[in-house]
Structures are given as structure tokens and as C-alpha cells.
Amino acid sequence: MTPAIPFANTYARLPERFFAKVSPTPVVAPRLIQVNRKLADLLGIDPDWLASPEGVAVLAGNRVPEGAEPLAMAYAGHQFGNRVPQLGDGRAILLGEVLGRDGIRRDIQLKGSGPTPFSRRGDGRAALGPVLREYVVSEAMAALGIPTTRALAAVLTGESVIRETMLPGGVLTRVATSHIRVGTFQFFAMRGDVDGIRDLADHIIGRHYPDLIEAENPYRALLTRVVERQADLVARWLLVGFIHGVMNTDNCAVSGETIDFGPCAFLDAYDPAAVFSAIDEQGRYAYGNQPGILHWNLTRFAEALLPLLAPETEDGIAVAQDLLAAFGPRFEAAYYGGLRAKLGLTTVEEADMTLAGSLLEAMSANHADFTLTFRRLGDAALGLEGDAAIRTLFDDPGAYDSWRTGWRARLAKEPLDPAERRAAMNRVNPAFIPRNHRVEAVIEAAISRDDFAPFHELVTVLAKPYDDQPAFAAYADPPQAHERVLRTFCGT
């Protein structure tokens, strides 16, 4: 009989010190919230089976499917800059890996599926709110074209979890090209386990970067590739106003995917110092700090790899410093290139970044909505009549008026006609993002009224972020004063 989920596991073949074998803890009364049918099909899994009682039992952790080898991964990390030698999957269990229809290997993990040896006195469960938040935001990120983990399904457990109060429990089925983090490498580095570092690096190269196998030094090439992917990733975060909220090294995936959506948020009004995460009391992970933090995390990754970079430590440090120096130019190329596209520019002039920077400064000083300002610039690029809708976003509309003169002069040097330019801008400036107040409203409806219709509708809208959706136009609006969400929470 063919297994319902075609598992083919490689992480479970690594040495036993890489993980702890553990099965999910069954729940009382699992109930399906949603199956991501398109993702299931990509993975070669029948979505109708997933939505069946047998499939829901797997998604809730009540049944271990054939071919799965459930385990909790070991890792360490720096949390808010503090070294923590022992972390690991405290409320997540990797069922196994599948090879998708596109030829890409991905992990299938249950998040909120019960305690593991790494739970550190926690219950191993997830409250419903964080499950819905991660489903909404991770799928929105995927639709925005940003590398990310995905949500395959969400279920209710029929049980309550205790946080600040009693809350309904849920389980998220998360999909990632792998769940290996900078902190996974740190786990072995903090123990002086060079063989473990090498085994893990070889695994990552074989799984994510097989073209590096023939490099003169595959481990140096690995560091270079991870630096490139993370620089590109954080640039794309900034270009859509995303704030991760908890950029610890254990939340930094070496695959270059966005991982862990606990206290994440999106900008409404543009503010480089914006912080939403309730646990980020010092603003370490503020919106504008994210590139610097990514470089800091990558430096910790390089430290873990030092024994593989060169025979002598001093030589390894010199190699690491040289390779890490590429982060800044790579980030700037990705970020400034993205800003040019958002402004409708296809050619390059030296003053372009001054033009972009002056707009961002005006937006920050005038509390202009980040997403709507750039989206409406497409209409303004089509003709002068589009300016009115942007002016209303600024406390002082004259700030936009002063800026647009230079922008229009710059557009006059561009080869695209206005209609082509507007279409190109709308392909990079989303109309719809998972605005914080919308996400909170979805969670509130589910928790207080057992009403998941708002969740389903929000997921539907966010699946097409670059399309004008007149029927859902209100979802593009920024929050009213009484709707603003000032703090987001991790949920653990």
C-alpha cells in the first residue's frame, strides 16, 4: 500500500546527538481549520486525504503516519545577544521529509504537538492565536514572493493551554526546505564538536547547495552562499515593511527562508525604529536594525564554521572576515535595486538613492503609510491626477509635493511608457499585506466566537497581494486610531 505521505528522510540518518526521537502527544478532539490544498498537491499529498478524519489525526499528532520518523531537532543559539548552549525543538516535532513534485525536498513539522526533551519545563503546546498568525503571515510572505516556511494545515486540539489565561490550543503543520538554523551549527560549536559541525555542513551542502560540492573549499563556499541568501532575504523584508521581531540565531535558517513568525508585524506608518514585539524591550530587532542583526547572526555562523574554513584559527578568522564583508554590498544591491523598482525606475543613476531616501524621510516625518504610499505611486506615475490619493497619506501634503518634483523629473529619463511603468510598479508594490489589526481581528473572532470565516477570507485576500481586488478593497486600508496594534506576542 502506498503511504499517504511519501516520506524520504535524511536528517534522521545523521548521528543520534543531532536530535531526540519523540512522537507527538495525542489531543482530545482535533478539528480541522484549514488545509493548504495547493501546497499539499505540490508535496504530492492528497489534500482530500489530509482533510479526512485519518489525515486530521496525523495533523493533530494523534497518529504517526507510515514512513515518518518523528524527532525533535537539537540546536543552541544567541537569544537577544545572550549565548544559550541548549535550546532545541521544545514544541515542534519533525515528522520527516518529502520530495515534492518540483523535485525539492521539504520538511513536514508539527508545531504545538506536545513536549519534547528540549521543552525546558514548557508544555510543548501552541495556543490557537500563534497558529493562526503563522499560517496567515507565512502564506502571505510566500504570495509576496519572499522565501519562507509555509503552512500546510492548522487544526484545533479540543484542549486548552495556559498562557496569561486559558486559551484554545492548536497545531500548525509547517513546511520548510529544512529547519536547520545558525543555532544548529552553534549547538555543536559550543561543545567543540568539530565532527558534528562537519556532518551538518555536509548535509546542508548536499541538500541545499549541491553545486558547492566540487568547490575548492565547500565550507567557504557555503558561508558565501548563506551570506548572499540572508542579505537578499532581509532586503526583501524591508521592501515590504516586515519586522521579524525575534531575530535570534535559532530563528535564522541557513536555507535563506524566513522562519518563526511569533511576534512579527508589518509597518503601517513608515518608521525605521518601529518595534512591535513585546519581548524586544530594548528595540534590538527594530525594523531598521534588521540588516545589522542579520550580519551579526552570520558572524556567529562563521564562528561555528571556523574549524572548517582553515587549519589554523587565525587563518579561519581572516577567511571569515573576508567572506562576511560581502554582506553589505550584497544587501545594498538588493535593497536599493528593490527601491528603484518600487519607484518605477529601470535605469540606474547615482542620485537615485538620495531620491528614495528623501521619500522615506518624508514618510517617516509625516506618518505616511508604507504600503499605500508605494502602491499609489503607481497611479501617480500614470498621471498627475494620481497625486491626490498620496497627498492624503502625509500629515503635511506639502512634503510629498516637494519630493514629487524630483521624482517626475527622474521618470522623464526612463524608457517605459506610463502604463508599462505602472504595471511594473504594481508587480513589486503590494496592495495587500497582513496588517496587524486584521490579523488580530482574525484571532479574536476565532478565540472568542469560534468563527473562522474571517481567517479564511483574510488568507484568500492575501494569496493575491499584487492584484487589485475591488471586492476586498477595505483590506488595503490602514487601521483607524482605535484599531492600531502596538504590541505583538510570541505565544510561548
Protein backbone atom coordinates (compact mmCIF):
# COMPACT_ATOMS: atom_id res chain seq x y z
CA MET A 1 0.00 0.00 0.00
CA THR A 2 1.39 3.43 -0.95
CA PRO A 3 1.89 5.71 2.10
CA ALA A 4 -0.43 8.74 2.19
CA ILE A 5 2.63 10.95 2.72
CA PRO A 6 5.68 9.90 0.68
CA PHE A 7 8.35 10.33 3.36
CA ALA A 8 12.04 10.00 2.47
CA ASN A 9 14.06 11.07 5.50
CA THR A 10 17.71 12.14 5.50
CA TYR A 11 18.03 14.15 8.72
CA ALA A 12 17.09 11.06 10.72
CA ARG A 13 20.15 9.33 9.23
CA LEU A 14 22.51 11.80 10.93
CA PRO A 15 24.14 10.83 14.25
CA GLU A 16 21.79 10.49 17.20
CA ARG A 17 23.21 13.52 19.03
CA PHE A 18 21.61 15.72 16.34
CA PHE A 19 18.10 15.09 17.65
CA ALA A 20 15.86 13.27 20.09
CA LYS A 21 13.41 10.71 18.81
CA VAL A 22 9.98 11.56 20.16
CA SER A 23 6.40 11.14 18.99
CA PRO A 24 3.64 13.76 19.12
CA THR A 25 1.33 13.73 22.12
CA PRO A 26 -2.29 12.96 21.12
CA VAL A 27 -5.02 15.53 21.73
CA VAL A 28 -8.60 15.12 22.86
CA ALA A 29 -10.78 16.32 19.98
CA PRO A 30 -8.90 17.50 16.87
CA ARG A 31 -10.83 19.65 14.40
CA LEU A 32 -9.58 20.88 11.06
CA ILE A 33 -9.37 24.63 10.49
CA GLN A 34 -7.81 24.65 7.03
CA VAL A 35 -5.70 22.59 4.65
CA ASN A 36 -3.46 24.36 2.17
CA ARG A 37 -4.60 22.39 -0.84
CA LYS A 38 -2.17 23.86 -3.38
CA LEU A 39 0.79 23.21 -1.13
CA ALA A 40 -0.39 19.68 -0.41
CA ASP A 41 -0.58 18.98 -4.12
CA LEU A 42 2.94 20.37 -4.61
CA LEU A 43 4.17 17.98 -1.93
CA GLY A 44 2.49 15.02 -3.60
CA ILE A 45 -0.05 14.64 -0.80
CA ASP A 46 -3.76 14.21 -1.50
CA PRO A 47 -5.46 17.26 0.09
CA ASP A 48 -8.74 15.36 0.40
CA TRP A 49 -6.96 12.72 2.45
CA LEU A 50 -5.41 15.42 4.65
CA ALA A 51 -8.88 16.83 5.31
CA SER A 52 -10.28 13.38 6.16
CA PRO A 53 -10.50 12.11 9.75
CA GLU A 54 -7.40 10.00 9.16
CA GLY A 55 -5.47 12.98 7.82
CA VAL A 56 -6.63 15.28 10.63
CA ALA A 57 -5.43 12.68 13.14
CA VAL A 58 -1.96 12.99 11.58
CA LEU A 59 -2.09 16.80 11.53
CA ALA A 60 -3.07 16.86 15.21
CA GLY A 61 -0.38 14.40 16.27
CA ASN A 62 -2.84 11.64 17.17
CA ARG A 63 -1.42 9.27 14.57
CA VAL A 64 2.12 8.85 13.26
CA PRO A 65 1.84 8.19 9.53
CA GLU A 66 3.62 5.36 7.77
CA GLY A 67 7.19 6.28 6.83
CA ALA A 68 7.50 9.11 9.36
CA GLU A 69 10.43 9.14 11.77
CA PRO A 70 9.39 11.79 14.30
CA LEU A 71 12.13 13.69 16.07
CA ALA A 72 12.91 16.96 17.81
CA MET A 73 15.97 18.75 16.48
CA ALA A 74 18.76 19.91 18.78
CA TYR A 75 20.10 23.44 18.48
CA ALA A 76 21.53 26.27 20.54
CA GLY A 77 21.71 29.99 19.83
CA HIS A 78 22.06 33.57 20.90
CA GLN A 79 18.76 34.98 22.17
CA PHE A 80 18.74 38.79 22.27
CA GLY A 81 22.53 38.59 22.13
CA ASN A 82 22.84 36.15 25.03
CA ARG A 83 24.56 32.79 24.48
CA VAL A 84 22.29 29.81 25.20
CA PRO A 85 24.03 26.43 24.69
CA GLN A 86 20.89 24.28 24.88
CA LEU A 87 17.63 25.06 23.07
CA GLY A 88 16.09 22.69 20.54
CA ASP A 89 12.56 21.96 19.37
CA GLY A 90 10.57 22.42 22.55
CA ARG A 91 7.12 22.35 20.95
CA ALA A 92 7.77 21.11 17.44
CA ILE A 93 8.28 17.61 16.05
CA LEU A 94 9.69 16.86 12.61
CA LEU A 95 7.67 14.04 11.09
CA GLY A 96 10.02 13.64 8.15
CA GLU A 97 10.82 14.88 4.67
CA VAL A 98 9.06 14.64 1.34
CA LEU A 99 10.31 15.13 -2.18
CA GLY A 100 7.82 17.42 -3.91
CA ARG A 101 6.57 17.33 -7.46
CA ASP A 102 9.07 20.11 -8.22
CA GLY A 103 12.00 17.95 -7.11
CA ILE A 104 12.62 19.96 -3.93
CA ARG A 105 12.97 18.16 -0.58
CA ARG A 106 11.00 19.70 2.28
CA ASP A 107 10.44 19.03 5.98
CA ILE A 108 6.99 18.44 7.43
CA GLN A 109 6.84 19.52 11.05
CA LEU A 110 4.07 19.68 13.63
CA LYS A 111 4.27 22.81 15.77
CA GLY A 112 2.42 22.64 19.08
CA SER A 113 2.38 18.85 19.16
CA GLY A 114 3.46 18.29 22.76
CA PRO A 115 6.56 18.22 24.93
CA THR A 116 9.98 17.02 23.83
CA PRO A 117 13.27 16.55 25.69
CA PHE A 118 14.01 20.18 24.73
CA SER A 119 10.83 21.70 26.19
CA ARG A 120 12.60 23.25 29.19
CA ARG A 121 9.58 22.79 31.50
CA GLY A 122 7.19 24.05 28.81
CA ASP A 123 4.01 22.24 27.83
CA GLY A 124 5.04 21.80 24.20
CA ARG A 125 1.71 23.14 23.04
CA ALA A 126 0.67 26.13 20.95
CA ALA A 127 -2.22 28.47 21.57
CA LEU A 128 -4.62 28.99 18.68
CA GLY A 129 -3.61 32.64 18.15
CA PRO A 130 0.04 31.99 17.23
CA VAL A 131 -1.05 29.11 14.98
CA LEU A 132 -3.37 31.38 13.01
CA ARG A 133 -0.80 34.20 12.93
CA GLU A 134 1.89 31.95 11.48
CA TYR A 135 -0.50 30.45 8.92
CA VAL A 136 -1.64 33.88 7.73
CA VAL A 137 1.75 35.58 7.68
CA SER A 138 3.84 32.74 6.27
CA GLU A 139 1.42 32.19 3.40
CA ALA A 140 1.26 35.94 2.79
CA MET A 141 5.05 36.05 2.62
CA ALA A 142 5.03 33.22 0.09
CA ALA A 143 2.49 35.09 -2.05
CA LEU A 144 4.67 38.21 -1.83
CA GLY A 145 7.49 36.15 -3.34
CA ILE A 146 9.68 36.14 -0.22
CA PRO A 147 11.48 32.90 0.76
CA THR A 148 9.64 31.49 3.74
CA THR A 149 8.46 28.45 5.57
CA ARG A 150 4.91 27.51 4.62
CA ALA A 151 1.73 26.41 6.39
CA LEU A 152 0.25 23.12 5.23
CA ALA A 153 -2.60 22.96 7.74
CA ALA A 154 -3.99 24.24 11.02
CA VAL A 155 -6.11 22.27 13.48
CA LEU A 156 -7.80 22.85 16.81
CA THR A 157 -6.87 20.39 19.53
CA GLY A 158 -10.03 20.50 21.63
CA GLU A 159 -7.80 21.28 24.61
CA SER A 160 -6.82 24.47 26.39
CA VAL A 161 -3.35 25.83 27.04
CA ILE A 162 -2.38 28.14 29.86
CA ARG A 163 -0.58 31.35 28.94
CA GLU A 164 -1.67 34.58 30.63
CA THR A 165 -5.09 32.95 30.61
CA MET A 166 -6.77 29.78 29.34
CA LEU A 167 -6.73 29.68 25.53
CA PRO A 168 -7.80 27.15 22.91
CA GLY A 169 -4.94 25.03 21.62
CA GLY A 170 -3.91 24.42 18.03
CA VAL A 171 -1.30 22.66 15.93
CA LEU A 172 0.32 24.12 12.82
CA THR A 173 1.79 21.85 10.19
CA ARG A 174 4.84 23.75 8.97
CA VAL A 175 6.76 23.04 5.77
CA ALA A 176 10.34 24.19 5.15
CA THR A 177 13.13 23.27 2.79
CA SER A 178 14.81 22.47 6.11
CA HIS A 179 14.63 23.60 9.72
CA ILE A 180 18.40 23.83 10.16
CA ARG A 181 19.40 27.12 11.74
CA VAL A 182 22.51 29.08 12.57
CA GLY A 183 21.77 27.86 16.09
CA THR A 184 22.00 24.24 14.92
CA PHE A 185 25.63 24.83 13.97
CA GLN A 186 26.17 26.67 17.25
CA PHE A 187 24.93 23.63 19.17
CA PHE A 188 27.98 21.67 18.03
CA ALA A 189 30.38 24.61 18.07
CA MET A 190 29.58 25.37 21.71
CA ARG A 191 30.52 21.78 22.52
CA GLY A 192 33.71 21.78 20.47
CA ASP A 193 32.21 19.03 18.31
CA VAL A 194 34.02 19.58 15.00
CA ASP A 195 32.81 16.28 13.58
CA GLY A 196 29.24 17.38 14.24
CA ILE A 197 29.84 20.72 12.52
CA ARG A 198 31.33 18.94 9.50
CA ASP A 199 28.50 16.39 9.30
CA LEU A 200 25.92 19.17 9.48
CA ALA A 201 27.71 21.28 6.88
CA ASP A 202 27.99 18.31 4.53
CA HIS A 203 24.29 17.63 5.00
CA ILE A 204 23.37 21.24 4.22
CA ILE A 205 25.59 21.36 1.15
CA GLY A 206 24.14 18.13 -0.19
CA ARG A 207 20.57 19.20 0.48
CA HIS A 208 20.56 22.91 -0.38
CA TYR A 209 23.74 23.71 -2.26
CA PRO A 210 24.87 20.60 -4.19
CA ASP A 211 26.70 22.76 -6.73
CA LEU A 212 29.20 23.60 -3.98
CA ILE A 213 30.41 20.03 -3.55
CA GLU A 214 33.09 20.49 -6.20
CA ALA A 215 34.28 23.86 -4.85
CA GLU A 216 37.91 24.15 -3.79
CA ASN A 217 36.71 24.60 -0.20
CA PRO A 218 32.98 23.74 0.00
CA TYR A 219 32.70 25.18 3.52
CA ARG A 220 33.95 28.61 2.49
CA ALA A 221 31.57 28.43 -0.45
CA LEU A 222 28.76 27.51 1.97
CA LEU A 223 29.40 30.58 4.11
CA THR A 224 29.42 32.75 0.99
CA ARG A 225 26.12 31.32 -0.23
CA VAL A 226 24.37 31.69 3.12
CA VAL A 227 25.61 35.29 3.39
CA GLU A 228 24.19 36.01 -0.06
CA ARG A 229 20.82 34.44 0.68
CA GLN A 230 20.40 36.17 4.01
CA ALA A 231 21.39 39.56 2.57
CA ASP A 232 18.80 39.14 -0.17
CA LEU A 233 16.20 37.97 2.34
CA VAL A 234 16.49 40.88 4.76
CA ALA A 235 16.40 43.33 1.86
CA ARG A 236 13.10 41.82 0.74
CA TRP A 237 11.75 42.08 4.29
CA LEU A 238 12.45 45.80 4.35
CA LEU A 239 10.90 46.33 0.93
CA VAL A 240 7.50 45.13 2.16
CA GLY A 241 7.75 46.62 5.66
CA PHE A 242 8.17 43.31 7.50
CA ILE A 243 9.55 43.17 11.05
CA HIS A 244 10.53 39.69 12.22
CA GLY A 245 10.50 40.62 15.88
CA VAL A 246 12.73 37.87 17.30
CA MET A 247 15.82 37.52 15.10
CA ASN A 248 17.75 35.24 17.43
CA THR A 249 20.30 32.95 15.79
CA ASP A 250 17.99 29.99 16.38
CA ASN A 251 15.44 31.79 14.18
CA CYS A 252 17.87 32.25 11.30
CA ALA A 253 17.59 29.44 8.73
CA VAL A 254 20.67 28.60 6.68
CA SER A 255 18.39 27.84 3.72
CA GLY A 256 17.64 31.57 3.44
CA GLU A 257 13.96 31.18 4.32
CA THR A 258 12.01 33.31 6.78
CA ILE A 259 11.32 31.12 9.81
CA ASP A 260 9.33 31.59 13.02
CA PHE A 261 6.55 34.18 12.94
CA GLY A 262 5.93 34.66 16.66
CA PRO A 263 5.81 38.42 17.38
CA CYS A 264 6.25 39.51 13.76
CA ALA A 265 4.45 42.53 12.32
CA PHE A 266 4.19 44.79 9.27
CA LEU A 267 4.67 48.54 9.23
CA ASP A 268 1.64 50.75 8.87
CA ALA A 269 3.17 54.22 9.04
CA TYR A 270 6.82 54.13 7.99
CA ASP A 271 9.16 54.25 10.98
CA PRO A 272 12.70 52.80 10.91
CA ALA A 273 12.64 52.49 14.72
CA ALA A 274 9.35 50.56 14.80
CA VAL A 275 9.20 47.69 17.30
CA PHE A 276 6.09 45.61 17.90
CA SER A 277 7.46 42.55 19.69
CA ALA A 278 6.55 42.69 23.38
CA ILE A 279 9.68 40.75 24.30
CA ASP A 280 12.03 43.11 22.41
CA GLU A 281 12.15 45.65 25.21
CA GLN A 282 15.36 47.33 24.03
CA GLY A 283 14.43 47.53 20.34
CA ARG A 284 17.26 45.23 19.29
CA TYR A 285 15.21 43.87 16.40
CA ALA A 286 13.57 47.11 15.25
CA TYR A 287 12.68 47.39 11.57
CA GLY A 288 15.75 49.42 10.62
CA ASN A 289 18.12 47.29 12.72
CA GLN A 290 17.39 44.07 10.84
CA PRO A 291 20.26 44.18 8.29
CA GLY A 292 22.81 44.76 11.05
CA ILE A 293 21.36 41.94 13.12
CA LEU A 294 21.47 39.56 10.15
CA HIS A 295 25.16 40.39 9.74
CA TRP A 296 25.66 39.74 13.47
CA ASN A 297 23.92 36.36 13.17
CA LEU A 298 26.02 35.45 10.15
CA THR A 299 29.14 36.29 12.13
CA ARG A 300 28.05 33.70 14.70
CA PHE A 301 27.56 31.23 11.82
CA ALA A 302 31.07 31.97 10.57
CA GLU A 303 32.45 31.42 14.08
CA ALA A 304 30.84 27.99 14.17
CA LEU A 305 32.39 27.12 10.80
CA LEU A 306 35.92 28.30 11.71
CA PRO A 307 37.41 24.79 12.07
CA LEU A 308 36.29 24.03 8.50
CA LEU A 309 37.48 27.26 6.92
CA ALA A 310 41.21 26.85 7.57
CA PRO A 311 43.56 24.58 9.56
CA GLU A 312 44.60 27.41 11.89
CA THR A 313 42.12 29.54 13.83
CA GLU A 314 43.73 32.86 12.88
CA ASP A 315 43.61 31.93 9.20
CA GLY A 316 39.99 30.87 9.57
CA ILE A 317 39.10 34.22 11.16
CA ALA A 318 40.74 36.08 8.28
CA VAL A 319 38.80 33.99 5.75
CA ALA A 320 35.54 34.53 7.65
CA GLN A 321 36.04 38.28 7.86
CA ASP A 322 36.71 38.46 4.15
CA LEU A 323 33.61 36.45 3.26
CA LEU A 324 31.38 38.33 5.72
CA ALA A 325 32.47 41.63 4.18
CA ALA A 326 30.37 40.72 1.14
CA PHE A 327 27.15 41.08 3.15
CA GLY A 328 26.97 44.89 2.99
CA PRO A 329 27.40 45.27 -0.78
CA ARG A 330 25.06 42.35 -1.44
CA PHE A 331 22.37 43.79 0.83
CA GLU A 332 22.70 47.28 -0.62
CA ALA A 333 22.43 45.97 -4.18
CA ALA A 334 19.27 44.02 -3.33
CA TYR A 335 17.68 46.76 -1.23
CA TYR A 336 18.48 49.74 -3.43
CA GLY A 337 17.61 47.76 -6.53
CA GLY A 338 14.27 46.98 -4.92
CA LEU A 339 13.68 50.63 -4.03
CA ARG A 340 14.37 51.64 -7.64
CA ALA A 341 11.75 49.18 -8.81
CA LYS A 342 9.25 50.46 -6.23
CA LEU A 343 9.79 53.98 -7.57
CA GLY A 344 9.31 52.88 -11.18
CA LEU A 345 12.98 53.20 -12.17
CA THR A 346 14.55 50.68 -14.53
CA THR A 347 17.82 52.50 -15.20
CA VAL A 348 20.47 53.49 -12.68
CA GLU A 349 21.62 56.96 -11.70
CA GLU A 350 23.85 57.87 -8.78
CA ALA A 351 21.24 60.18 -7.24
CA ASP A 352 18.52 57.51 -7.16
CA MET A 353 19.23 56.52 -3.58
CA THR A 354 19.09 60.11 -2.44
CA LEU A 355 15.70 60.34 -4.13
CA ALA A 356 14.49 57.17 -2.40
CA GLY A 357 15.95 58.21 0.94
CA SER A 358 14.29 61.60 0.85
CA LEU A 359 10.91 59.96 0.24
CA LEU A 360 11.39 57.62 3.20
CA GLU A 361 12.41 60.54 5.41
CA ALA A 362 9.30 62.48 4.38
CA MET A 363 7.14 59.41 5.03
CA SER A 364 8.64 58.93 8.48
CA ALA A 365 8.24 62.60 9.43
CA ASN A 366 4.64 62.64 8.21
CA HIS A 367 3.43 59.21 9.36
CA ALA A 368 2.67 58.11 5.80
CA ASP A 369 1.53 54.53 5.36
CA PHE A 370 4.40 52.48 3.91
CA THR A 371 2.40 50.07 1.76
CA LEU A 372 -0.19 52.52 0.43
CA THR A 373 2.35 55.23 -0.41
CA PHE A 374 4.28 52.95 -2.72
CA ARG A 375 1.17 51.31 -4.16
CA ARG A 376 -0.36 54.68 -5.02
CA LEU A 377 2.87 55.85 -6.60
CA GLY A 378 1.94 53.56 -9.48
CA ASP A 379 -1.16 55.65 -10.14
CA ALA A 380 0.84 58.85 -9.75
CA ALA A 381 3.35 57.53 -12.30
CA LEU A 382 0.43 57.15 -14.71
CA GLY A 383 -0.56 60.81 -14.43
CA LEU A 384 -0.75 63.88 -12.21
CA GLU A 385 -4.28 63.02 -11.11
CA GLY A 386 -2.79 60.17 -9.06
CA ASP A 387 -1.05 62.59 -6.70
CA ALA A 388 -4.17 63.42 -4.70
CA ALA A 389 -4.51 59.96 -3.15
CA ILE A 390 -0.89 60.04 -1.98
CA ARG A 391 -1.05 63.55 -0.54
CA THR A 392 -3.77 62.45 1.89
CA LEU A 393 -1.37 59.93 3.44
CA PHE A 394 1.02 62.66 4.66
CA ASP A 395 0.41 64.82 7.73
CA ASP A 396 1.79 67.67 5.65
CA PRO A 397 0.87 67.02 2.00
CA GLY A 398 3.43 69.63 1.01
CA ALA A 399 6.17 67.15 1.96
CA TYR A 400 5.04 64.90 -0.88
CA ASP A 401 4.66 67.86 -3.22
CA SER A 402 8.27 68.86 -2.61
CA TRP A 403 9.52 65.34 -3.29
CA ARG A 404 7.44 64.55 -6.38
CA THR A 405 9.08 67.26 -8.46
CA GLY A 406 12.42 65.48 -8.44
CA TRP A 407 10.76 62.10 -8.93
CA ARG A 408 8.85 63.20 -12.01
CA ALA A 409 11.99 64.72 -13.47
CA ARG A 410 13.74 61.39 -12.93
CA LEU A 411 10.86 59.43 -14.52
CA ALA A 412 11.15 61.62 -17.60
CA LYS A 413 14.53 59.98 -18.28
CA GLU A 414 13.07 56.46 -18.16
CA PRO A 415 12.27 54.39 -21.28
CA LEU A 416 8.95 52.85 -20.19
CA ASP A 417 5.66 54.47 -21.10
CA PRO A 418 3.40 55.38 -18.14
CA ALA A 419 1.11 52.33 -18.45
CA GLU A 420 4.06 49.92 -18.58
CA ARG A 421 5.67 51.68 -15.64
CA ARG A 422 2.52 51.48 -13.54
CA ALA A 423 2.14 47.78 -14.28
CA ALA A 424 5.77 47.14 -13.34
CA MET A 425 5.40 49.09 -10.10
CA ASN A 426 2.25 47.23 -9.14
CA ARG A 427 4.15 43.96 -9.51
CA VAL A 428 6.53 44.96 -6.70
CA ASN A 429 4.33 47.24 -4.56
CA PRO A 430 1.63 45.11 -2.92
CA ALA A 431 -1.84 46.41 -2.30
CA PHE A 432 -2.48 43.89 0.47
CA ILE A 433 -0.29 42.84 3.38
CA PRO A 434 -1.24 41.04 6.61
CA ARG A 435 -1.90 44.22 8.52
CA ASN A 436 -1.55 43.73 12.24
CA HIS A 437 -5.09 44.80 13.10
CA ARG A 438 -6.52 42.39 10.54
CA VAL A 439 -4.51 39.50 11.92
CA GLU A 440 -5.59 40.33 15.46
CA ALA A 441 -9.24 40.56 14.37
CA VAL A 442 -8.99 37.08 12.83
CA ILE A 443 -7.53 35.69 16.05
CA GLU A 444 -10.15 37.41 18.20
CA ALA A 445 -13.02 36.03 16.09
CA ALA A 446 -11.62 32.52 16.31
CA ILE A 447 -10.93 32.58 20.06
CA SER A 448 -13.99 34.45 21.30
CA ARG A 449 -16.64 33.23 18.83
CA ASP A 450 -15.18 30.07 17.27
CA ASP A 451 -15.63 31.94 13.99
CA PHE A 452 -13.04 31.11 11.33
CA ALA A 453 -14.73 32.85 8.41
CA PRO A 454 -12.56 36.00 8.86
CA PHE A 455 -9.44 33.80 8.87
CA HIS A 456 -10.44 32.04 5.65
CA GLU A 457 -11.26 35.35 3.95
CA LEU A 458 -8.01 37.01 5.01
CA VAL A 459 -5.99 34.05 3.70
CA THR A 460 -7.88 34.31 0.40
CA VAL A 461 -7.20 38.05 0.03
CA LEU A 462 -3.51 37.74 0.88
CA ALA A 463 -2.99 35.00 -1.69
CA LYS A 464 -3.10 37.73 -4.38
CA PRO A 465 -1.28 40.68 -2.78
CA TYR A 466 -0.37 42.45 -6.03
CA ASP A 467 -3.84 42.30 -7.59
CA ASP A 468 -6.47 44.98 -7.30
CA GLN A 469 -9.33 43.19 -5.55
CA PRO A 470 -12.26 45.64 -5.51
CA ALA A 471 -14.46 43.28 -3.50
CA PHE A 472 -11.86 43.30 -0.72
CA ALA A 473 -10.64 46.90 -1.02
CA ALA A 474 -11.10 47.56 2.70
CA TYR A 475 -8.33 45.07 3.47
CA ALA A 476 -5.82 47.53 1.98
CA ASP A 477 -6.78 50.28 4.42
CA PRO A 478 -4.51 51.16 7.33
CA PRO A 479 -6.00 50.87 10.82
CA GLN A 480 -8.10 53.54 12.40
CA ALA A 481 -6.65 55.00 15.60
CA HIS A 482 -8.67 52.62 17.78
CA GLU A 483 -7.61 49.60 15.68
CA ARG A 484 -3.85 50.08 15.90
CA VAL A 485 -1.87 47.16 17.24
CA LEU A 486 1.14 48.37 19.19
CA ARG A 487 2.39 45.06 20.61
CA THR A 488 2.64 41.53 19.26
CA PHE A 489 3.40 38.44 21.33
CA CYS A 490 5.44 35.29 20.87
CA GLY A 491 2.85 32.87 22.24
CA THR A 492 5.22 30.55 24.10
